[in-house]
N, C-alpha and C. Protein backbone atom coordinates (compact mmCIF):
# COMPACT_ATOMS: atom_id res chain seq x y z
N MET A 1 -12.99 -30.27 13.39
CA MET A 1 -13.76 -29.75 12.62
C MET A 1 -14.07 -30.52 11.27
N ALA A 2 -14.77 -30.19 10.51
CA ALA A 2 -15.21 -30.84 9.17
C ALA A 2 -14.40 -30.36 8.17
N ASN A 3 -14.24 -30.88 7.19
CA ASN A 3 -13.70 -30.08 5.79
C ASN A 3 -15.29 -29.88 5.35
N THR A 4 -14.97 -28.68 4.60
CA THR A 4 -16.33 -28.25 3.54
C THR A 4 -15.95 -27.64 2.25
N THR A 5 -16.57 -28.06 1.48
CA THR A 5 -16.03 -27.78 0.10
C THR A 5 -17.46 -26.91 -0.41
N PHE A 6 -17.00 -25.62 -1.27
CA PHE A 6 -18.15 -24.92 -1.41
C PHE A 6 -17.93 -24.65 -3.19
N ASN A 7 -19.33 -24.44 -3.60
CA ASN A 7 -19.30 -24.25 -4.83
C ASN A 7 -19.81 -22.81 -5.33
N GLY A 8 -19.09 -21.93 -5.70
CA GLY A 8 -19.30 -20.54 -5.56
C GLY A 8 -18.42 -19.91 -4.87
N PRO A 9 -18.64 -18.46 -4.92
CA PRO A 9 -17.88 -17.56 -4.10
C PRO A 9 -17.93 -17.83 -2.46
N VAL A 10 -16.95 -17.79 -1.74
CA VAL A 10 -16.99 -17.94 -0.36
C VAL A 10 -16.81 -16.21 0.32
N ARG A 11 -17.53 -15.79 0.92
CA ARG A 11 -17.58 -14.43 1.33
C ARG A 11 -17.34 -13.88 2.63
N SER A 12 -16.57 -13.27 3.24
CA SER A 12 -16.52 -12.68 4.47
C SER A 12 -16.32 -11.16 4.69
N GLN A 13 -17.07 -10.82 5.77
CA GLN A 13 -16.83 -9.15 5.93
C GLN A 13 -15.58 -9.10 6.99
N ASN A 14 -15.13 -9.93 7.52
CA ASN A 14 -14.03 -9.78 8.52
C ASN A 14 -12.53 -10.38 7.88
N GLY A 15 -12.59 -10.96 6.90
CA GLY A 15 -11.52 -11.63 6.30
C GLY A 15 -11.47 -13.36 6.54
N PHE A 16 -10.27 -13.72 6.10
CA PHE A 16 -10.13 -15.31 6.12
C PHE A 16 -8.90 -15.44 6.87
N GLN A 17 -8.46 -16.49 7.69
CA GLN A 17 -7.39 -16.94 8.41
C GLN A 17 -7.00 -18.34 7.93
N SER A 18 -5.72 -18.71 7.62
CA SER A 18 -5.22 -20.12 7.48
C SER A 18 -4.37 -20.54 8.76
N ILE A 19 -5.01 -21.49 9.59
CA ILE A 19 -3.91 -21.81 10.47
C ILE A 19 -3.72 -23.23 10.73
N SER A 20 -2.57 -23.49 11.66
CA SER A 20 -2.08 -24.77 11.72
C SER A 20 -2.15 -25.05 13.31
N VAL A 21 -2.39 -25.96 13.40
CA VAL A 21 -2.74 -26.57 15.31
C VAL A 21 -1.87 -27.59 15.55
N ASP A 22 -0.98 -27.27 16.57
CA ASP A 22 -0.07 -28.19 17.30
C ASP A 22 -0.63 -29.46 17.59
N SER A 23 -0.23 -30.71 17.13
CA SER A 23 -0.90 -31.82 17.58
C SER A 23 -0.86 -32.32 19.13
N THR A 24 0.50 -31.53 19.60
CA THR A 24 0.76 -31.84 21.15
C THR A 24 0.27 -30.95 22.19
N THR A 25 0.28 -29.59 21.70
CA THR A 25 -0.15 -28.57 22.73
C THR A 25 -1.42 -28.24 22.39
N GLY A 26 -1.98 -28.29 21.17
CA GLY A 26 -3.04 -27.77 20.58
C GLY A 26 -2.96 -26.14 20.52
N ALA A 27 -1.80 -25.70 20.58
CA ALA A 27 -1.42 -24.18 20.31
C ALA A 27 -1.88 -23.99 18.89
N VAL A 28 -2.81 -22.68 18.49
CA VAL A 28 -3.00 -22.26 17.32
C VAL A 28 -2.33 -21.37 16.82
N THR A 29 -1.35 -21.46 15.61
CA THR A 29 -0.63 -20.58 14.86
C THR A 29 -1.26 -20.33 13.50
N VAL A 30 -1.36 -18.89 13.36
CA VAL A 30 -2.13 -18.22 12.24
C VAL A 30 -0.98 -18.09 10.98
N ASP A 31 -1.06 -18.74 10.01
CA ASP A 31 -0.06 -19.07 8.70
C ASP A 31 -0.11 -18.00 7.76
N ALA A 32 -1.52 -17.58 7.54
CA ALA A 32 -1.73 -16.67 6.67
C ALA A 32 -3.17 -15.98 6.97
N THR A 33 -3.07 -14.65 6.81
CA THR A 33 -4.40 -13.76 6.99
C THR A 33 -4.57 -13.07 5.55
N PHE A 34 -6.00 -13.28 4.96
CA PHE A 34 -6.57 -12.89 3.97
C PHE A 34 -7.69 -11.86 4.30
N GLY A 35 -7.30 -10.54 3.64
CA GLY A 35 -8.38 -9.65 3.87
C GLY A 35 -8.15 -8.41 2.86
N THR A 36 -8.27 -7.30 3.78
CA THR A 36 -7.96 -6.00 2.89
C THR A 36 -6.51 -5.87 2.67
N ALA A 37 -5.73 -6.18 3.81
CA ALA A 37 -4.33 -6.26 3.81
C ALA A 37 -3.72 -7.86 3.86
N THR A 38 -3.49 -8.37 2.90
CA THR A 38 -3.50 -9.79 3.09
C THR A 38 -1.80 -10.15 3.33
N SER A 39 -1.44 -11.06 4.24
CA SER A 39 -0.27 -11.32 4.93
C SER A 39 0.03 -12.93 4.79
N VAL A 40 0.96 -13.27 4.60
CA VAL A 40 1.39 -14.52 4.58
C VAL A 40 3.05 -14.73 5.31
N ALA A 41 2.75 -15.58 6.39
CA ALA A 41 4.14 -15.79 7.49
C ALA A 41 5.23 -16.34 6.52
N SER A 42 5.06 -17.25 5.76
CA SER A 42 6.29 -17.84 4.97
C SER A 42 5.49 -18.37 3.38
N VAL A 43 6.26 -18.43 2.75
CA VAL A 43 5.90 -19.19 1.40
C VAL A 43 6.98 -19.89 0.90
N THR A 44 6.81 -21.33 0.64
CA THR A 44 7.92 -22.32 -0.03
C THR A 44 7.54 -22.32 -1.61
N VAL A 45 8.38 -22.47 -2.32
CA VAL A 45 8.19 -22.18 -3.67
C VAL A 45 9.03 -23.54 -4.03
N SER A 46 8.29 -24.76 -4.64
CA SER A 46 9.03 -26.05 -5.16
C SER A 46 9.05 -25.80 -6.74
N SER A 47 8.91 -24.87 -7.15
CA SER A 47 9.14 -24.67 -8.88
C SER A 47 9.72 -23.45 -8.92
N PHE A 48 9.47 -22.95 -10.03
CA PHE A 48 9.66 -21.46 -10.51
C PHE A 48 8.82 -20.34 -9.99
N VAL A 49 9.37 -19.06 -9.64
CA VAL A 49 8.60 -17.77 -9.55
C VAL A 49 8.56 -17.32 -10.89
N ASP A 50 7.33 -16.97 -11.30
CA ASP A 50 7.12 -16.57 -12.53
C ASP A 50 6.94 -14.62 -12.51
N LEU A 51 7.78 -13.62 -12.54
CA LEU A 51 7.72 -12.44 -12.37
C LEU A 51 7.42 -11.77 -13.54
N PRO A 52 6.44 -10.85 -13.79
CA PRO A 52 6.27 -10.11 -15.08
C PRO A 52 7.33 -9.20 -15.11
N ALA A 53 7.94 -9.09 -16.44
CA ALA A 53 8.94 -8.08 -16.54
C ALA A 53 8.42 -6.64 -16.88
N ILE A 54 8.96 -5.40 -16.09
CA ILE A 54 8.31 -4.10 -16.31
C ILE A 54 9.54 -3.32 -16.57
N LEU A 55 9.36 -2.09 -17.41
CA LEU A 55 10.64 -1.20 -17.51
C LEU A 55 10.88 -0.30 -16.29
N THR A 56 12.14 0.18 -16.22
CA THR A 56 12.34 0.91 -14.87
C THR A 56 11.18 1.92 -14.83
N ALA A 57 10.98 2.77 -15.92
CA ALA A 57 10.04 3.81 -15.68
C ALA A 57 8.67 3.51 -15.21
N ALA A 58 8.24 2.15 -15.08
CA ALA A 58 6.90 1.60 -14.76
C ALA A 58 7.11 1.57 -13.07
N LEU A 59 8.44 1.25 -12.48
CA LEU A 59 8.27 1.15 -11.12
C LEU A 59 7.69 2.29 -10.22
N PRO A 60 6.93 1.66 -9.39
CA PRO A 60 6.35 2.95 -8.58
C PRO A 60 7.27 3.52 -7.81
N THR A 61 6.78 4.77 -7.57
CA THR A 61 8.15 5.57 -6.32
C THR A 61 8.32 4.94 -5.11
N ALA A 62 9.88 4.53 -4.95
CA ALA A 62 10.11 3.82 -3.79
C ALA A 62 9.49 4.33 -2.68
N ALA A 63 8.88 3.48 -1.91
CA ALA A 63 8.09 4.38 -0.51
C ALA A 63 8.23 3.31 0.70
N ALA A 64 8.07 3.80 1.98
CA ALA A 64 7.76 3.05 3.03
C ALA A 64 7.09 1.54 2.74
N SER A 65 5.68 1.98 2.04
CA SER A 65 4.82 1.13 1.72
C SER A 65 5.28 0.14 0.82
N ASN A 66 6.23 0.09 0.14
CA ASN A 66 6.86 -0.81 -0.56
C ASN A 66 8.05 -1.56 -0.72
N ALA A 67 8.47 -1.38 0.68
CA ALA A 67 9.90 -1.58 1.27
C ALA A 67 10.05 -3.13 1.08
N GLY A 68 10.98 -3.57 0.42
CA GLY A 68 11.10 -5.12 0.46
C GLY A 68 10.50 -5.99 -0.64
N GLN A 69 9.77 -4.94 -1.35
CA GLN A 69 8.99 -5.64 -2.71
C GLN A 69 10.24 -5.82 -3.45
N VAL A 70 10.10 -6.78 -4.43
CA VAL A 70 11.18 -7.13 -5.43
C VAL A 70 10.28 -7.05 -6.82
N ARG A 71 10.79 -6.63 -7.94
CA ARG A 71 10.36 -6.40 -9.17
C ARG A 71 11.58 -7.05 -10.15
N LEU A 72 11.20 -7.31 -11.48
CA LEU A 72 11.91 -7.66 -12.42
C LEU A 72 11.60 -6.35 -13.45
N ILE A 73 13.06 -6.01 -13.70
CA ILE A 73 12.94 -4.81 -15.04
C ILE A 73 13.62 -5.77 -16.15
N SER A 74 12.98 -5.04 -17.07
CA SER A 74 13.66 -5.81 -18.45
C SER A 74 14.63 -4.87 -19.21
N ASP A 75 14.99 -3.63 -18.62
CA ASP A 75 15.80 -2.83 -19.16
C ASP A 75 17.27 -2.22 -18.47
N ASN A 76 17.52 -3.09 -17.23
CA ASN A 76 18.32 -2.93 -16.30
C ASN A 76 18.61 -1.58 -15.83
N GLY A 77 17.59 -0.75 -16.03
CA GLY A 77 17.74 0.67 -15.68
C GLY A 77 18.54 1.70 -16.67
N ALA A 78 18.78 1.07 -17.80
CA ALA A 78 19.50 1.99 -18.77
C ALA A 78 19.02 1.73 -20.33
N GLY A 79 17.98 0.81 -20.05
CA GLY A 79 17.42 0.65 -21.73
C GLY A 79 18.25 -0.03 -22.60
N ASN A 80 18.88 -1.00 -21.67
CA ASN A 80 19.87 -1.97 -22.97
C ASN A 80 19.23 -3.51 -22.76
N ASN A 81 18.11 -3.72 -22.54
CA ASN A 81 17.24 -4.96 -22.97
C ASN A 81 17.91 -6.12 -22.00
N GLU A 82 18.50 -5.78 -20.82
CA GLU A 82 19.01 -6.84 -19.91
C GLU A 82 18.19 -6.74 -18.50
N TYR A 83 17.62 -8.17 -18.39
CA TYR A 83 16.87 -8.27 -17.05
C TYR A 83 17.55 -8.12 -15.79
N CYS A 84 16.83 -7.51 -14.79
CA CYS A 84 17.55 -7.22 -13.45
C CYS A 84 16.68 -7.26 -12.28
N LEU A 85 16.82 -7.95 -11.51
CA LEU A 85 15.91 -7.96 -10.05
C LEU A 85 16.22 -6.66 -9.42
N VAL A 86 15.35 -5.87 -8.98
CA VAL A 86 15.57 -4.83 -7.93
C VAL A 86 14.68 -4.96 -6.64
N ILE A 87 14.70 -4.46 -5.79
CA ILE A 87 14.37 -4.47 -4.51
C ILE A 87 14.15 -2.98 -3.81
N SER A 88 13.02 -2.66 -3.40
CA SER A 88 12.62 -1.36 -2.84
C SER A 88 13.21 -1.19 -1.37
N THR A 89 13.81 -0.56 -1.06
CA THR A 89 14.37 -0.18 0.29
C THR A 89 13.47 0.65 1.17
N GLY A 90 12.56 1.25 0.28
CA GLY A 90 11.68 2.00 0.98
C GLY A 90 11.89 3.55 0.71
N SER A 91 13.38 3.93 0.18
CA SER A 91 13.70 5.30 0.03
C SER A 91 14.16 5.27 -1.65
N ALA A 92 14.45 3.89 -1.99
CA ALA A 92 15.24 3.88 -3.41
C ALA A 92 15.02 2.41 -4.10
N TRP A 93 14.78 2.17 -5.20
CA TRP A 93 15.02 0.68 -5.83
C TRP A 93 16.54 0.46 -6.32
N VAL A 94 17.11 -0.63 -5.76
CA VAL A 94 18.32 -0.92 -5.63
C VAL A 94 18.30 -2.26 -6.62
N THR A 95 19.48 -2.55 -7.25
CA THR A 95 19.43 -4.09 -7.93
C THR A 95 19.82 -5.22 -6.73
N ALA A 96 19.27 -6.28 -7.03
CA ALA A 96 19.69 -7.29 -6.35
C ALA A 96 21.13 -7.25 -5.60
N VAL A 97 22.22 -6.89 -6.27
CA VAL A 97 23.30 -6.84 -5.65
C VAL A 97 23.84 -5.62 -4.78
N GLY A 98 22.76 -4.62 -4.90
CA GLY A 98 23.10 -3.38 -4.08
C GLY A 98 23.22 -2.30 -4.58
N ALA A 99 23.47 -2.28 -5.93
CA ALA A 99 23.67 -0.84 -6.81
C ALA A 99 22.56 -0.10 -7.04
N ALA A 100 22.81 1.10 -6.75
CA ALA A 100 21.31 2.39 -6.88
C ALA A 100 21.21 2.18 -8.54
N LEU A 101 19.87 2.47 -8.59
CA LEU A 101 19.50 2.43 -9.76
C LEU A 101 19.49 3.96 -10.10
N SER A 102 19.81 4.22 -11.64
CA SER A 102 19.76 5.63 -12.05
C SER A 102 18.75 5.98 -12.74
């Protein structure tokens, strides 16, 4: 397949997929799907991840739809200007070490 360069927006009604093809078997693996619900199989970061910091009060309600999401809060859940990573369990936001937020 040829490489194509586009100048301007590329649009699709059915989304896009990024794939890799095994050079030996020809097996196709979907690496990422881009559409209404974008998913990526894995991400390799070779530098820093820059998360925008928010206040605890700005966290969305923990729900099954955001289970596994990671956020950076700037008030450590107590309003004391200490940064903290939190993870949604689907029913609560917990600090990265597992302590429940108050």
